[in-house]
């Protein structure tokens, strides 16, 4: 019981420090790591070594993947490729189902681009369509936001799911994480769309709602600011090619060896490794650069991507250090056996992630911290297999979207750009993320009945 109370105190510190004291998650996780090491009686001489090895270990596996994925997303955002992706979806689906169209656009764009940035980029497009088709901008805002949110929490190369997969030892099986993540994200997006449609007759009631028509008119100006937009093939290639290669690499390494073990297997095994696949995606993104001095523009995009990636890397590394300390103490075995007796299994990582997300606001922090916490105990609760770890990532992702409210920056992006009042945003956006998370978790549980 003392071990559990100690762990709860450490988790409570993480929540309190990030949510109330507004401390940076990196420092919070690092302090929590030292607290856990001393509280659980780790030998003083081993503490620094355990922390540094845990920090470096996770970044050695996944750090460069996070950096490359972030740089690709930055290039897609700054080049106008995200606008091209949205326009292609509109042309394919037409304008008959505007909310579905916005949900699909968000689902695609948020794979490489952060959901906050994605909403800002696509907001004027959303409002333009809402005005053109005389439909509720509240419903379209929630449809776009939940579409963005779905892939943000489930699908690599978004940093949160990548970090969680790395903490759970799945860096060699990202293809499987991507495939199942895309499926779960699609269901979560549909759940968010269902909730969005409940607001089909509702207009925003926040300050500045009358300005939305002017916002819509800015879409053409926004498009014009990018100059000539990228063509669809170059815009999609940096996203789809790496995902396809990673998936093929995972298939090539199935026990049945469907591609044999000769040249084809060697090629797919090499190209399907996440680092190699994303390097190819980065080279493909070079075609999106369009200034006279492409080398300078490329350097600028790398610098911008590194600024975005740096805090994510630090938080991920601190999460790895936290996990290493937990693994070095007896709490993993004890908590694993205790939870096994309770029989909550796959729901445990969901509950922990949901508690962390709802308390401190960041989905990435919830994904990193929860995966580091539960990694040492997966074997004891029946989730130690490859598929068990993949479903654990999905359960954590479901928790990490439950729920987005006032302590989440994405909540305020959606609220302010959509001109919703806080109370309206709670009813529309916050409840939508609750529906998404619970629906996704229910599906994870159903999958676990057949796959574990």
Protein backbone atom coordinates (compact mmCIF):
# COMPACT_ATOMS: atom_id res chain seq x y z
CA UNK A 1 0.00 0.00 0.00
CA UNK A 2 2.91 2.35 0.75
CA UNK A 3 4.23 1.84 -2.78
CA UNK A 4 0.87 2.75 -4.32
CA UNK A 5 0.46 5.84 -2.13
CA UNK A 6 3.96 6.95 -3.07
CA UNK A 7 3.23 6.54 -6.76
CA UNK A 8 -0.07 8.42 -6.41
CA UNK A 9 1.79 11.23 -4.67
CA UNK A 10 4.28 11.45 -7.54
CA UNK A 11 1.48 11.50 -10.15
CA UNK A 12 -0.37 14.11 -8.08
CA UNK A 13 2.78 16.23 -8.10
CA UNK A 14 2.96 16.03 -11.91
CA UNK A 15 -0.66 17.12 -12.19
CA UNK A 16 -0.38 19.89 -9.58
CA UNK A 17 2.89 21.30 -10.91
CA UNK A 18 1.75 21.44 -14.54
CA UNK A 19 -1.90 22.40 -14.01
CA UNK A 20 -1.71 24.75 -11.02
CA UNK A 21 1.89 25.98 -10.80
CA UNK A 22 2.20 26.16 -14.61
CA UNK A 23 5.66 24.57 -14.48
CA UNK A 24 7.06 23.31 -17.78
CA UNK A 25 6.28 19.60 -18.26
CA UNK A 26 9.99 18.82 -18.86
CA UNK A 27 11.05 20.16 -15.46
CA UNK A 28 7.99 18.63 -13.81
CA UNK A 29 8.72 15.16 -15.16
CA UNK A 30 12.40 15.44 -14.28
CA UNK A 31 11.61 16.48 -10.70
CA UNK A 32 9.02 13.70 -10.46
CA UNK A 33 11.68 11.24 -11.64
CA UNK A 34 14.06 12.24 -8.83
CA UNK A 35 11.21 12.16 -6.31
CA UNK A 36 10.24 8.65 -7.40
CA UNK A 37 13.86 7.46 -7.31
CA UNK A 38 14.36 8.62 -3.71
CA UNK A 39 10.88 7.65 -2.53
CA UNK A 40 11.16 4.09 -3.85
CA UNK A 41 14.59 3.63 -2.33
CA UNK A 42 16.71 3.44 -5.47
CA UNK A 43 20.40 3.40 -4.41
CA UNK A 44 21.72 6.97 -4.50
CA UNK A 45 24.73 5.94 -6.57
CA UNK A 46 22.45 4.53 -9.29
CA UNK A 47 19.95 7.38 -9.58
CA UNK A 48 21.84 9.63 -12.00
CA UNK A 49 22.89 6.69 -14.17
CA UNK A 50 19.34 5.34 -14.34
CA UNK A 51 17.88 8.74 -15.24
CA UNK A 52 20.45 9.56 -17.93
CA UNK A 53 20.23 6.11 -19.50
CA UNK A 54 16.44 6.32 -19.58
CA UNK A 55 16.56 9.82 -21.07
CA UNK A 56 19.10 8.90 -23.73
CA UNK A 57 17.59 5.49 -24.41
CA UNK A 58 14.20 6.73 -25.55
CA UNK A 59 15.66 9.59 -27.60
CA UNK A 60 18.14 7.22 -29.21
CA UNK A 61 15.21 5.18 -30.49
CA UNK A 62 12.75 7.89 -31.40
CA UNK A 63 14.34 11.35 -31.15
CA UNK A 64 15.40 11.73 -34.78
CA UNK A 65 12.02 10.42 -35.94
CA UNK A 66 10.28 13.17 -33.97
CA UNK A 67 12.62 15.80 -35.41
CA UNK A 68 12.16 14.67 -39.02
CA UNK A 69 8.40 14.38 -38.67
CA UNK A 70 8.20 17.88 -37.22
CA UNK A 71 10.33 19.38 -40.00
CA UNK A 72 8.19 17.71 -42.68
CA UNK A 73 5.07 19.10 -41.01
CA UNK A 74 6.61 22.57 -40.91
CA UNK A 75 7.42 22.46 -44.62
CA UNK A 76 3.88 21.29 -45.45
CA UNK A 77 2.42 24.10 -43.37
CA UNK A 78 4.62 26.93 -44.64
CA UNK A 79 4.50 25.90 -48.30
CA UNK A 80 0.71 25.90 -48.51
CA UNK A 81 0.60 22.11 -49.00
CA UNK A 82 -1.96 21.88 -46.18
CA UNK A 83 -4.26 24.14 -48.23
CA UNK A 84 -3.73 21.86 -51.25
CA UNK A 85 -4.67 18.80 -49.17
CA UNK A 86 -7.87 20.51 -48.08
CA UNK A 87 -8.77 21.59 -51.62
CA UNK A 88 -8.24 18.05 -52.95
CA UNK A 89 -10.58 16.59 -50.33
CA UNK A 90 -13.24 19.18 -51.18
CA UNK A 91 -12.97 18.39 -54.89
CA UNK A 92 -13.25 14.65 -54.22
CA UNK A 93 -16.14 14.81 -51.75
CA UNK A 94 -17.88 17.83 -53.16
CA UNK A 95 -19.89 20.15 -50.92
CA UNK A 96 -22.90 17.98 -50.16
CA UNK A 97 -21.67 16.94 -46.69
CA UNK A 98 -19.73 19.92 -45.35
CA UNK A 99 -19.22 18.60 -41.82
CA UNK A 100 -17.92 15.25 -43.10
CA UNK A 101 -15.66 17.08 -45.51
CA UNK A 102 -14.13 19.18 -42.73
CA UNK A 103 -13.66 16.11 -40.54
CA UNK A 104 -11.79 14.26 -43.30
CA UNK A 105 -9.65 17.31 -44.04
CA UNK A 106 -8.69 17.52 -40.36
CA UNK A 107 -8.03 13.76 -40.21
CA UNK A 108 -5.53 13.98 -43.09
CA UNK A 109 -3.84 17.29 -42.28
CA UNK A 110 -3.13 16.46 -38.61
CA UNK A 111 -0.98 13.43 -39.44
CA UNK A 112 2.04 15.64 -40.19
CA UNK A 113 0.81 19.04 -38.87
CA UNK A 114 0.03 19.78 -35.20
CA UNK A 115 -3.69 20.07 -34.56
CA UNK A 116 -3.34 23.64 -33.23
CA UNK A 117 -1.55 24.81 -36.38
CA UNK A 118 -3.89 22.78 -38.58
CA UNK A 119 -6.96 24.49 -37.15
CA UNK A 120 -5.45 27.95 -37.60
CA UNK A 121 -4.51 27.19 -41.22
CA UNK A 122 -7.89 25.70 -42.11
CA UNK A 123 -10.14 28.01 -40.12
CA UNK A 124 -10.80 30.48 -42.94
CA UNK A 125 -11.51 27.59 -45.33
CA UNK A 126 -14.00 26.19 -42.81
CA UNK A 127 -15.75 29.53 -42.41
CA UNK A 128 -15.82 30.11 -46.16
CA UNK A 129 -17.58 26.78 -46.70
CA UNK A 130 -19.97 27.44 -43.82
CA UNK A 131 -21.04 30.76 -45.33
CA UNK A 132 -21.21 29.41 -48.87
CA UNK A 133 -23.43 26.46 -47.91
CA UNK A 134 -25.44 28.24 -45.21
CA UNK A 135 -24.55 25.73 -42.49
CA UNK A 136 -23.60 26.13 -38.83
CA UNK A 137 -20.02 27.25 -38.29
CA UNK A 138 -20.15 25.71 -34.79
CA UNK A 139 -20.85 22.26 -36.23
CA UNK A 140 -18.13 22.68 -38.86
CA UNK A 141 -15.63 23.93 -36.26
CA UNK A 142 -16.21 20.88 -34.06
CA UNK A 143 -16.04 18.55 -37.07
CA UNK A 144 -12.71 20.05 -38.12
CA UNK A 145 -11.31 20.11 -34.57
CA UNK A 146 -12.25 16.49 -33.82
CA UNK A 147 -10.90 15.30 -37.18
CA UNK A 148 -7.59 17.01 -36.39
CA UNK A 149 -7.61 15.66 -32.83
CA UNK A 150 -8.17 12.05 -33.88
CA UNK A 151 -4.95 11.52 -35.84
CA UNK A 152 -3.07 13.84 -33.47
CA UNK A 153 -3.43 11.36 -30.61
CA UNK A 154 -3.33 8.04 -32.48
CA UNK A 155 -1.17 8.16 -35.61
CA UNK A 156 2.63 8.45 -35.93
CA UNK A 157 4.59 10.45 -37.01
CA UNK A 158 2.75 12.78 -34.62
CA UNK A 159 5.21 13.07 -31.67
CA UNK A 160 2.86 11.91 -28.89
CA UNK A 161 2.00 8.49 -30.35
CA UNK A 162 5.62 8.01 -31.50
CA UNK A 163 6.93 8.71 -27.99
CA UNK A 164 4.37 6.35 -26.45
CA UNK A 165 5.31 3.61 -28.92
CA UNK A 166 8.99 4.15 -28.12
CA UNK A 167 8.38 3.94 -24.37
CA UNK A 168 6.55 0.65 -24.89
CA UNK A 169 9.30 -0.87 -27.05
CA UNK A 170 7.43 -0.64 -30.35
CA UNK A 171 9.93 1.45 -32.32
CA UNK A 172 10.47 -1.52 -34.67
CA UNK A 173 6.70 -2.00 -35.12
CA UNK A 174 5.51 1.51 -35.92
CA UNK A 175 3.81 0.22 -39.07
CA UNK A 176 1.40 -1.79 -36.95
CA UNK A 177 0.83 1.22 -34.68
CA UNK A 178 0.08 3.36 -37.76
CA UNK A 179 -2.38 0.88 -39.29
CA UNK A 180 -4.37 0.36 -36.10
CA UNK A 181 -4.03 4.05 -35.23
CA UNK A 182 -5.50 5.12 -38.58
CA UNK A 183 -8.45 2.79 -38.03
CA UNK A 184 -9.13 3.95 -34.47
CA UNK A 185 -8.63 7.60 -35.45
CA UNK A 186 -11.24 7.18 -38.20
CA UNK A 187 -13.77 5.85 -35.68
CA UNK A 188 -12.89 8.62 -33.22
CA UNK A 189 -13.30 11.23 -35.98
CA UNK A 190 -16.73 9.79 -36.86
CA UNK A 191 -17.71 9.94 -33.19
CA UNK A 192 -16.66 13.60 -33.11
CA UNK A 193 -18.59 14.21 -36.33
CA UNK A 194 -21.70 12.66 -34.79
CA UNK A 195 -21.46 15.07 -31.87
CA UNK A 196 -20.74 18.01 -34.21
CA UNK A 197 -23.92 17.28 -36.16
CA UNK A 198 -25.92 17.86 -32.98
CA UNK A 199 -25.01 21.56 -33.38
CA UNK A 200 -26.15 21.79 -37.00
CA UNK A 201 -28.62 24.54 -36.17
CA UNK A 202 -26.46 26.43 -33.68
CA UNK A 203 -24.48 29.58 -34.38
CA UNK A 204 -21.55 30.88 -32.31
CA UNK A 205 -22.50 33.05 -29.36
CA UNK A 206 -19.10 34.41 -28.38
CA UNK A 207 -17.61 37.88 -28.73
CA UNK A 208 -16.92 38.83 -32.34
CA UNK A 209 -19.25 36.22 -33.85
CA UNK A 210 -20.42 38.78 -36.38
CA UNK A 211 -16.88 39.00 -37.75
CA UNK A 212 -16.98 35.45 -39.12
CA UNK A 213 -18.13 36.54 -42.56
CA UNK A 214 -15.03 38.70 -42.84
CA UNK A 215 -12.94 35.74 -41.72
CA UNK A 216 -14.35 33.66 -44.55
CA UNK A 217 -13.37 36.26 -47.08
CA UNK A 218 -9.78 35.94 -45.87
CA UNK A 219 -9.49 32.41 -47.28
CA UNK A 220 -8.77 33.53 -50.82
CA UNK A 221 -6.34 36.09 -49.45
CA UNK A 222 -4.65 33.34 -47.42
CA UNK A 223 -4.36 31.14 -50.50
CA UNK A 224 -2.97 34.02 -52.51
CA UNK A 225 -0.34 34.69 -49.84
CA UNK A 226 1.26 31.32 -50.60
CA UNK A 227 1.63 32.19 -54.28
CA UNK A 228 1.26 29.15 -56.48
CA UNK A 229 0.08 26.29 -54.29
CA UNK A 230 1.79 22.88 -54.55
CA UNK A 231 0.21 20.26 -56.81
CA UNK A 232 -1.63 17.39 -55.07
CA UNK A 233 0.99 14.68 -55.69
CA UNK A 234 3.94 16.64 -54.21
CA UNK A 235 1.70 17.75 -51.32
CA UNK A 236 0.56 14.23 -50.38
CA UNK A 237 3.85 12.42 -51.05
CA UNK A 238 5.80 13.51 -47.89
CA UNK A 239 2.95 12.13 -45.75
CA UNK A 240 1.81 9.04 -47.60
CA UNK A 241 5.14 7.63 -48.84
CA UNK A 242 6.76 7.33 -45.36
CA UNK A 243 3.57 5.81 -43.91
CA UNK A 244 3.39 3.31 -46.78
CA UNK A 245 7.07 2.38 -46.40
CA UNK A 246 6.77 1.91 -42.63
CA UNK A 247 3.72 -0.30 -43.10
CA UNK A 248 5.42 -2.38 -45.81
CA UNK A 249 8.45 -2.77 -43.57
CA UNK A 250 6.26 -4.10 -40.77
CA UNK A 251 4.52 -6.51 -43.17
CA UNK A 252 7.90 -7.70 -44.48
CA UNK A 253 8.90 -8.63 -40.93
CA UNK A 254 5.80 -10.67 -40.16
CA UNK A 255 6.75 -14.16 -38.92
CA UNK A 256 5.42 -15.63 -42.18
CA UNK A 257 7.92 -13.48 -44.15
CA UNK A 258 5.48 -12.70 -47.01
CA UNK A 259 8.28 -11.11 -49.09
CA UNK A 260 10.81 -13.83 -48.33
CA UNK A 261 14.21 -13.08 -46.84
CA UNK A 262 16.14 -12.10 -49.94
CA UNK A 263 16.59 -8.78 -51.76
CA UNK A 264 12.97 -7.58 -51.55
CA UNK A 265 12.88 -8.19 -47.81
CA UNK A 266 16.20 -6.43 -47.29
CA UNK A 267 15.06 -3.40 -49.27
CA UNK A 268 11.68 -3.15 -47.53
CA UNK A 269 13.23 -3.77 -44.13
CA UNK A 270 15.65 -0.88 -44.72
CA UNK A 271 13.15 1.55 -46.23
CA UNK A 272 10.49 0.62 -43.69
CA UNK A 273 12.53 1.67 -40.67
CA UNK A 274 10.90 4.91 -39.44
CA UNK A 275 14.07 6.99 -39.58
CA UNK A 276 14.83 5.93 -43.15
CA UNK A 277 11.20 6.34 -44.26
CA UNK A 278 10.98 9.85 -42.84
CA UNK A 279 14.30 10.81 -44.45
CA UNK A 280 12.71 9.87 -47.76
CA UNK A 281 9.66 11.94 -46.81
CA UNK A 282 11.95 14.87 -46.01
CA UNK A 283 13.62 14.62 -49.44
CA UNK A 284 10.20 14.45 -51.08
CA UNK A 285 9.18 17.61 -49.22
CA UNK A 286 12.04 19.50 -50.89
CA UNK A 287 9.84 19.74 -53.98
CA UNK A 288 7.51 22.00 -51.97
CA UNK A 289 10.19 24.67 -51.51
CA UNK A 290 9.69 27.48 -53.98
CA UNK A 291 11.88 30.47 -53.14
CA UNK A 292 14.75 31.52 -55.35
CA UNK A 293 17.21 30.32 -52.72
CA UNK A 294 15.89 26.86 -51.88
CA UNK A 295 18.86 25.99 -49.68
CA UNK A 296 18.23 28.99 -47.42
CA UNK A 297 14.49 28.29 -47.32
CA UNK A 298 15.19 24.66 -46.42
CA UNK A 299 17.54 25.78 -43.62
CA UNK A 300 14.88 28.18 -42.33
CA UNK A 301 12.24 25.41 -42.28
CA UNK A 302 14.65 23.11 -40.43
CA UNK A 303 15.27 25.83 -37.84
CA UNK A 304 11.54 26.39 -37.40
CA UNK A 305 10.94 22.65 -37.08
CA UNK A 306 13.71 22.28 -34.51
CA UNK A 307 12.18 25.06 -32.39
CA UNK A 308 8.88 23.16 -32.37
CA UNK A 309 10.53 19.77 -31.80
CA UNK A 310 12.86 20.82 -28.96
CA UNK A 311 10.33 20.89 -26.09
CA UNK A 312 8.75 17.68 -27.36
CA UNK A 313 12.15 15.97 -27.33
CA UNK A 314 12.85 17.17 -23.79
CA UNK A 315 9.45 16.04 -22.53
CA UNK A 316 9.85 12.69 -24.28
CA UNK A 317 13.33 12.21 -22.81
CA UNK A 318 12.11 13.11 -19.33
CA UNK A 319 9.29 10.60 -19.77
CA UNK A 320 11.85 7.96 -20.70
CA UNK A 321 13.85 8.78 -17.57
CA UNK A 322 10.70 8.52 -15.45
CA UNK A 323 9.93 5.13 -16.96
CA UNK A 324 13.48 3.91 -16.36
CA UNK A 325 13.24 4.80 -12.66
CA UNK A 326 9.85 3.09 -12.34
CA UNK A 327 11.29 0.02 -14.05
CA UNK A 328 14.23 -0.06 -11.60
CA UNK A 329 11.92 -0.13 -8.57
CA UNK A 330 9.55 -2.84 -7.28
CA UNK A 331 6.46 -0.72 -7.96
CA UNK A 332 6.03 -2.16 -11.46
CA UNK A 333 5.66 -5.76 -10.29
CA UNK A 334 3.57 -4.78 -7.29
CA UNK A 335 1.20 -2.52 -9.20
CA UNK A 336 0.98 -4.98 -12.07
CA UNK A 337 -0.11 -7.81 -9.80
CA UNK A 338 -2.53 -5.52 -7.94
CA UNK A 339 -4.15 -4.30 -11.14
CA UNK A 340 -4.34 -7.82 -12.48
CA UNK A 341 -6.34 -8.75 -9.43
CA UNK A 342 -8.73 -5.87 -10.13
CA UNK A 343 -9.21 -7.14 -13.67
CA UNK A 344 -9.32 -3.72 -15.37
CA UNK A 345 -6.53 -4.65 -17.80
CA UNK A 346 -6.54 -2.46 -20.90
CA UNK A 347 -8.67 0.19 -19.14
CA UNK A 348 -5.85 1.02 -16.71
CA UNK A 349 -3.67 3.01 -19.16
CA UNK A 350 -6.80 4.76 -20.45
CA UNK A 351 -7.83 5.90 -16.97
CA UNK A 352 -4.33 7.13 -16.11
CA UNK A 353 -3.96 9.02 -19.42
CA UNK A 354 -7.44 10.53 -19.14
CA UNK A 355 -6.71 11.71 -15.60
CA UNK A 356 -3.43 13.29 -16.65
CA UNK A 357 -4.89 14.87 -19.79
CA UNK A 358 -7.93 16.31 -18.07
CA UNK A 359 -5.84 17.62 -15.18
CA UNK A 360 -2.92 19.26 -17.00
CA UNK A 361 -4.15 19.78 -20.57
CA UNK A 362 -1.41 18.44 -22.81
CA UNK A 363 -2.15 15.31 -24.83
CA UNK A 364 1.56 14.84 -25.54
CA UNK A 365 2.45 14.95 -21.84
CA UNK A 366 -0.36 12.48 -21.07
CA UNK A 367 0.88 10.10 -23.79
CA UNK A 368 4.52 10.31 -22.71
CA UNK A 369 3.99 10.14 -18.94
CA UNK A 370 1.38 7.37 -19.03
CA UNK A 371 3.38 5.17 -21.41
CA UNK A 372 6.46 5.57 -19.24
CA UNK A 373 4.46 4.74 -16.13
CA UNK A 374 2.72 1.61 -17.42
CA UNK A 375 5.57 0.13 -19.50
CA UNK A 376 7.15 -1.90 -16.65
CA UNK A 377 3.87 -3.53 -15.64
CA UNK A 378 2.39 -4.59 -19.00
CA UNK A 379 3.52 -8.19 -18.66
CA UNK A 380 1.84 -8.51 -15.29
CA UNK A 381 -1.54 -7.29 -16.57
CA UNK A 382 -1.53 -9.45 -19.70
CA UNK A 383 -0.43 -6.79 -22.19
CA UNK A 384 3.18 -7.77 -22.67
CA UNK A 385 2.77 -9.14 -26.20
CA UNK A 386 3.43 -7.04 -29.31
CA UNK A 387 -0.28 -6.58 -29.95
CA UNK A 388 -0.88 -5.90 -26.27
CA UNK A 389 1.61 -3.04 -26.39
CA UNK A 390 0.06 -1.65 -29.57
CA UNK A 391 -3.40 -1.67 -28.00
CA UNK A 392 -1.92 -0.04 -24.90
CA UNK A 393 -0.68 2.83 -27.08
CA UNK A 394 -4.21 3.12 -28.46
CA UNK A 395 -5.76 3.06 -24.98
CA UNK A 396 -3.37 5.78 -23.85
CA UNK A 397 -4.22 7.79 -26.99
CA UNK A 398 -7.94 7.47 -26.20
CA UNK A 399 -7.27 8.73 -22.68
CA UNK A 400 -5.07 11.55 -23.98
CA UNK A 401 -8.05 13.07 -25.84
CA UNK A 402 -10.41 12.81 -22.84
CA UNK A 403 -11.09 15.68 -22.42
CA UNK A 404 -9.96 18.96 -24.01
CA UNK A 405 -11.06 21.90 -21.88
CA UNK A 406 -9.82 25.21 -20.48
CA UNK A 407 -6.30 24.03 -19.60
CA UNK A 408 -5.66 22.81 -23.16
CA UNK A 409 -4.25 25.25 -25.73
CA UNK A 410 -6.19 23.50 -28.51
CA UNK A 411 -9.45 24.26 -26.70
CA UNK A 412 -8.68 27.97 -26.81
CA UNK A 413 -7.58 27.85 -30.45
CA UNK A 414 -10.91 26.29 -31.40
CA UNK A 415 -12.90 28.60 -29.11
CA UNK A 416 -11.30 31.87 -30.18
CA UNK A 417 -11.13 31.22 -33.91
CA UNK A 418 -14.71 29.91 -33.94
CA UNK A 419 -16.02 32.80 -31.82
CA UNK A 420 -17.70 30.44 -29.35
CA UNK A 421 -18.30 31.41 -25.76
CA UNK A 422 -16.58 29.25 -23.16
CA UNK A 423 -19.87 27.65 -22.09
CA UNK A 424 -20.76 26.86 -25.71
CA UNK A 425 -17.28 25.45 -26.33
CA UNK A 426 -17.64 23.16 -23.32
CA UNK A 427 -20.92 21.83 -24.68
CA UNK A 428 -19.61 21.46 -28.22
CA UNK A 429 -15.83 20.90 -28.23
CA UNK A 430 -15.16 19.48 -24.76
CA UNK A 431 -18.07 17.04 -24.92
CA UNK A 432 -17.00 16.03 -28.42
CA UNK A 433 -13.55 15.00 -27.15
CA UNK A 434 -15.18 13.05 -24.32
CA UNK A 435 -17.34 11.19 -26.85
CA UNK A 436 -14.26 10.57 -29.02
CA UNK A 437 -12.14 9.22 -26.20
CA UNK A 438 -14.81 6.94 -24.74
CA UNK A 439 -15.80 5.62 -28.18
CA UNK A 440 -12.19 4.90 -29.09
CA UNK A 441 -11.59 3.15 -25.76
CA UNK A 442 -14.68 0.99 -26.22
CA UNK A 443 -13.30 -0.09 -29.60
CA UNK A 444 -9.87 -0.78 -28.10
CA UNK A 445 -11.54 -3.05 -25.55
CA UNK A 446 -13.45 -4.89 -28.28
CA UNK A 447 -10.23 -5.35 -30.27
CA UNK A 448 -8.49 -6.68 -27.18
CA UNK A 449 -11.10 -9.44 -26.85
CA UNK A 450 -10.17 -10.75 -30.32
CA UNK A 451 -6.47 -9.87 -30.62
CA UNK A 452 -5.11 -10.72 -27.17
